C-alpha atoms as a PDB file:
ATOM      1  CA  MET A   1       0.000   0.000   0.000  1.00  0.00           C
ATOM      2  CA  SER A   2       1.384   3.399  -0.896  1.00  0.00           C
ATOM      3  CA  TYR A   3       2.042   5.864   1.900  1.00  0.00           C
ATOM      4  CA  GLY A   4      -0.605   8.289   0.649  1.00  0.00           C
ATOM      5  CA  LEU A   5      -3.338   5.686   0.522  1.00  0.00           C
ATOM      6  CA  GLY A   6      -2.398   4.356   3.964  1.00  0.00           C
ATOM      7  CA  ALA A   7      -2.443   7.841   5.444  1.00  0.00           C
ATOM      8  CA  TYR A   8      -5.800   8.556   3.806  1.00  0.00           C
ATOM      9  CA  LYS A   9      -7.330   5.354   5.191  1.00  0.00           C
ATOM     10  CA  LYS A  10      -5.976   6.059   8.680  1.00  0.00           C
ATOM     11  CA  THR A  11      -7.356   9.604   8.615  1.00  0.00           C
ATOM     12  CA  SER A  12     -10.738   8.521   7.262  1.00  0.00           C
ATOM     13  CA  VAL A  13     -11.136   5.970  10.066  1.00  0.00           C
ATOM     14  CA  SER A  14      -9.923   8.284  12.833  1.00  0.00           C
ATOM     15  CA  THR A  15     -12.310  11.064  11.757  1.00  0.00           C
ATOM     16  CA  ALA A  16     -15.325   8.839  11.047  1.00  0.00           C
ATOM     17  CA  SER A  17     -18.417   8.741  13.224  1.00  0.00           C
ATOM     18  CA  LYS A  18     -19.439   5.528  14.988  1.00  0.00           C
ATOM     19  CA  GLU A  19     -22.081   5.002  12.334  1.00  0.00           C
ATOM     20  CA  GLN A  20     -19.583   5.444   9.494  1.00  0.00           C
ATOM     21  CA  ILE A  21     -17.167   3.006  11.157  1.00  0.00           C
ATOM     22  CA  LEU A  22     -19.953   0.432  11.487  1.00  0.00           C
ATOM     23  CA  LEU A  23     -20.750   0.727   7.783  1.00  0.00           C
ATOM     24  CA  MET A  24     -17.030   0.588   6.907  1.00  0.00           C
ATOM     25  CA  LEU A  25     -16.718  -2.658   8.874  1.00  0.00           C
ATOM     26  CA  TYR A  26     -19.650  -4.182   7.022  1.00  0.00           C
ATOM     27  CA  GLN A  27     -18.222  -3.033   3.680  1.00  0.00           C
ATOM     28  CA  ALA A  28     -14.879  -4.650   4.522  1.00  0.00           C
ATOM     29  CA  ALA A  29     -16.599  -7.862   5.669  1.00  0.00           C
ATOM     30  CA  ILE A  30     -18.579  -7.997   2.411  1.00  0.00           C
ATOM     31  CA  LYS A  31     -15.443  -7.381   0.339  1.00  0.00           C
ATOM     32  CA  ASN A  32     -13.497 -10.102   2.179  1.00  0.00           C
ATOM     33  CA  CYS A  33     -16.397 -12.539   1.893  1.00  0.00           C
ATOM     34  CA  LYS A  34     -16.567 -11.989  -1.873  1.00  0.00           C
ATOM     35  CA  LYS A  35     -12.806 -12.511  -2.155  1.00  0.00           C
ATOM     36  CA  ALA A  36     -13.066 -15.683  -0.048  1.00  0.00           C
ATOM     37  CA  ILE A  37     -15.802 -17.012  -2.353  1.00  0.00           C
ATOM     38  CA  GLU A  38     -13.677 -16.237  -5.407  1.00  0.00           C
ATOM     39  CA  HIS A  39     -10.579 -17.983  -4.034  1.00  0.00           C
ATOM     40  CA  THR A  40     -12.595 -20.943  -2.726  1.00  0.00           C
ATOM     41  CA  GLU A  41     -14.071 -21.479  -6.182  1.00  0.00           C
ATOM     42  CA  LYS A  42     -10.566 -21.381  -7.674  1.00  0.00           C
ATOM     43  CA  LYS A  43      -9.285 -23.773  -4.963  1.00  0.00           C
ATOM     44  CA  GLU A  44      -6.632 -21.212  -4.001  1.00  0.00           C
ATOM     45  CA  LEU A  45      -6.413 -22.433  -0.427  1.00  0.00           C
ATOM     46  CA  ALA A  46      -3.953 -19.937   1.035  1.00  0.00           C
ATOM     47  CA  LYS A  47      -5.866 -16.922  -0.314  1.00  0.00           C
ATOM     48  CA  LYS A  48      -9.193 -18.482   0.699  1.00  0.00           C
ATOM     49  CA  GLY A  49      -7.915 -18.862   4.246  1.00  0.00           C
ATOM     50  CA  GLU A  50      -6.506 -15.335   4.298  1.00  0.00           C
ATOM     51  CA  PHE A  51      -9.813 -13.710   3.314  1.00  0.00           C
ATOM     52  CA  ILE A  52     -11.917 -15.947   5.560  1.00  0.00           C
ATOM     53  CA  GLY A  53      -9.590 -14.977   8.424  1.00  0.00           C
ATOM     54  CA  LYS A  54     -10.082 -11.275   7.672  1.00  0.00           C
ATOM     55  CA  LEU A  55     -13.845 -11.779   7.460  1.00  0.00           C
ATOM     56  CA  GLN A  56     -13.878 -13.569  10.802  1.00  0.00           C
ATOM     57  CA  ASP A  57     -11.730 -10.871  12.456  1.00  0.00           C
ATOM     58  CA  ILE A  58     -14.282  -8.247  11.426  1.00  0.00           C
ATOM     59  CA  VAL A  59     -17.235 -10.341  12.593  1.00  0.00           C
ATOM     60  CA  ILE A  60     -15.534 -10.904  15.960  1.00  0.00           C
ATOM     61  CA  GLU A  61     -14.971  -7.145  16.269  1.00  0.00           C
ATOM     62  CA  LEU A  62     -18.628  -6.462  15.437  1.00  0.00           C
ATOM     63  CA  ASN A  63     -19.715  -9.020  18.036  1.00  0.00           C
ATOM     64  CA  ASN A  64     -17.371  -7.596  20.673  1.00  0.00           C
ATOM     65  CA  SER A  65     -18.774  -4.112  20.110  1.00  0.00           C
ATOM     66  CA  LEU A  66     -22.343  -5.117  20.989  1.00  0.00           C
ATOM     67  CA  ASP A  67     -23.807  -3.493  24.099  1.00  0.00           C
ATOM     68  CA  PHE A  68     -26.279  -5.984  25.531  1.00  0.00           C
ATOM     69  CA  GLU A  69     -27.522  -3.598  28.230  1.00  0.00           C
ATOM     70  CA  VAL A  70     -28.532  -0.966  25.705  1.00  0.00           C
ATOM     71  CA  GLY A  71     -29.298  -3.240  22.752  1.00  0.00           C
ATOM     72  CA  GLY A  72     -31.273  -5.900  24.598  1.00  0.00           C
ATOM     73  CA  ALA A  73     -33.020  -8.337  22.256  1.00  0.00           C
ATOM     74  CA  ILE A  74     -31.559  -6.708  19.141  1.00  0.00           C
ATOM     75  CA  ALA A  75     -28.014  -7.173  20.450  1.00  0.00           C
ATOM     76  CA  ASN A  76     -28.820 -10.827  21.202  1.00  0.00           C
ATOM     77  CA  GLU A  77     -30.160 -11.348  17.667  1.00  0.00           C
ATOM     78  CA  LEU A  78     -27.093  -9.694  16.135  1.00  0.00           C
ATOM     79  CA  SER A  79     -24.834 -11.850  18.286  1.00  0.00           C
ATOM     80  CA  SER A  80     -26.637 -14.951  17.004  1.00  0.00           C
ATOM     81  CA  LEU A  81     -26.164 -13.788  13.414  1.00  0.00           C
ATOM     82  CA  TYR A  82     -22.474 -13.140  14.044  1.00  0.00           C
ATOM     83  CA  ASP A  83     -22.163 -16.639  15.535  1.00  0.00           C
ATOM     84  CA  TYR A  84     -23.768 -18.017  12.366  1.00  0.00           C
ATOM     85  CA  LEU A  85     -21.298 -16.056  10.211  1.00  0.00           C
ATOM     86  CA  LEU A  86     -18.360 -17.472  12.159  1.00  0.00           C
ATOM     87  CA  TYR A  87     -19.718 -21.018  11.985  1.00  0.00           C
ATOM     88  CA  ALA A  88     -20.588 -20.875   8.276  1.00  0.00           C
ATOM     89  CA  SER A  89     -17.277 -19.296   7.280  1.00  0.00           C
ATOM     90  CA  THR A  90     -15.417 -21.944   9.293  1.00  0.00           C
ATOM     91  CA  GLN A  91     -17.378 -24.678   7.516  1.00  0.00           C
ATOM     92  CA  ALA A  92     -16.556 -23.088   4.156  1.00  0.00           C
ATOM     93  CA  ASN A  93     -12.896 -23.021   5.117  1.00  0.00           C
ATOM     94  CA  LEU A  94     -12.798 -26.633   6.305  1.00  0.00           C
ATOM     95  CA  LYS A  95     -14.830 -28.099   3.451  1.00  0.00           C
ATOM     96  CA  ILE A  96     -13.415 -25.819   0.751  1.00  0.00           C
ATOM     97  CA  ASP A  97     -17.014 -25.027  -0.193  1.00  0.00           C
ATOM     98  CA  PRO A  98     -18.135 -21.546  -1.311  1.00  0.00           C
ATOM     99  CA  GLU A  99     -21.816 -22.177  -0.532  1.00  0.00           C
ATOM    100  CA  PRO A 100     -21.679 -21.321   3.204  1.00  0.00           C
ATOM    101  CA  LEU A 101     -19.854 -18.109   2.249  1.00  0.00           C
ATOM    102  CA  ARG A 102     -22.705 -17.197  -0.094  1.00  0.00           C
ATOM    103  CA  GLY A 103     -25.027 -17.488   2.913  1.00  0.00           C
ATOM    104  CA  CYS A 104     -22.665 -15.242   4.867  1.00  0.00           C
ATOM    105  CA  LEU A 105     -22.647 -12.708   2.041  1.00  0.00           C
ATOM    106  CA  ASN A 106     -26.451 -12.651   2.001  1.00  0.00           C
ATOM    107  CA  VAL A 107     -26.574 -11.981   5.763  1.00  0.00           C
ATOM    108  CA  LEU A 108     -23.859  -9.312   5.556  1.00  0.00           C
ATOM    109  CA  ASN A 109     -25.598  -7.499   2.685  1.00  0.00           C
ATOM    110  CA  THR A 110     -28.911  -7.581   4.552  1.00  0.00           C
ATOM    111  CA  LEU A 111     -27.310  -6.198   7.723  1.00  0.00           C
ATOM    112  CA  TYR A 112     -25.434  -3.512   5.786  1.00  0.00           C
ATOM    113  CA  ASP A 113     -28.619  -2.398   4.014  1.00  0.00           C
ATOM    114  CA  GLY A 114     -30.550  -2.359   7.294  1.00  0.00           C
ATOM    115  CA  TRP A 115     -27.923  -0.308   9.113  1.00  0.00           C
ATOM    116  CA  SER A 116     -27.609   2.091   6.159  1.00  0.00           C
ATOM    117  CA  GLU A 117     -31.344   2.756   6.207  1.00  0.00           C
ATOM    118  CA  ALA A 118     -31.433   3.105   9.997  1.00  0.00           C
ATOM    119  CA  ILE A 119     -28.558   5.605   9.943  1.00  0.00           C
ATOM    120  CA  LYS A 120     -30.245   7.631   7.183  1.00  0.00           C
ATOM    121  CA  ALA A 121     -33.475   7.716   9.202  1.00  0.00           C
ATOM    122  CA  LEU A 122     -31.597   8.853  12.328  1.00  0.00           C
ATOM    123  CA  LYS A 123     -29.887  11.646  10.402  1.00  0.00           C
ATOM    124  CA  LYS A 124     -33.236  12.827   9.038  1.00  0.00           C
ATOM    125  CA  GLU A 125     -34.655  12.890  12.568  1.00  0.00           C
ATOM    126  CA  GLU A 126     -31.661  14.881  13.814  1.00  0.00           C
ATOM    127  CA  GLU A 127     -32.038  17.377  10.952  1.00  0.00           C
ATOM    128  CA  LYS A 128     -35.711  17.896  11.836  1.00  0.00           C
ATOM    129  CA  LYS A 129     -34.736  18.743  15.433  1.00  0.00           C
ATOM    130  CA  THR A 130     -32.300  21.461  14.376  1.00  0.00           C
END
């Protein structure tokens, strides 16, 4: 990675809101899941493992960031989905099968779309208040 791009990425993360960081994590998880599917289909085992590992690191971070006191039932549901993502991606890795990753990608896209819409709605509400 060039210095300029690395500096840009570091600055964009350090100046991002919590909501933007959440969406950035989902975008990265989706990107890594797609790459894992691609390398699994090609039977490129080292690359497959690399991208599944990155995907799982992000999912673990998302799970660790849940606040069960504030989030209640929603946090519990998200935690269950994250557990599914970890299980399915592990199965894909062990069996060298892209199908469980396709399920992961579907869940990740659904969560990303849901969070995007929720964040837009919150911003609209905040704009109405000011």
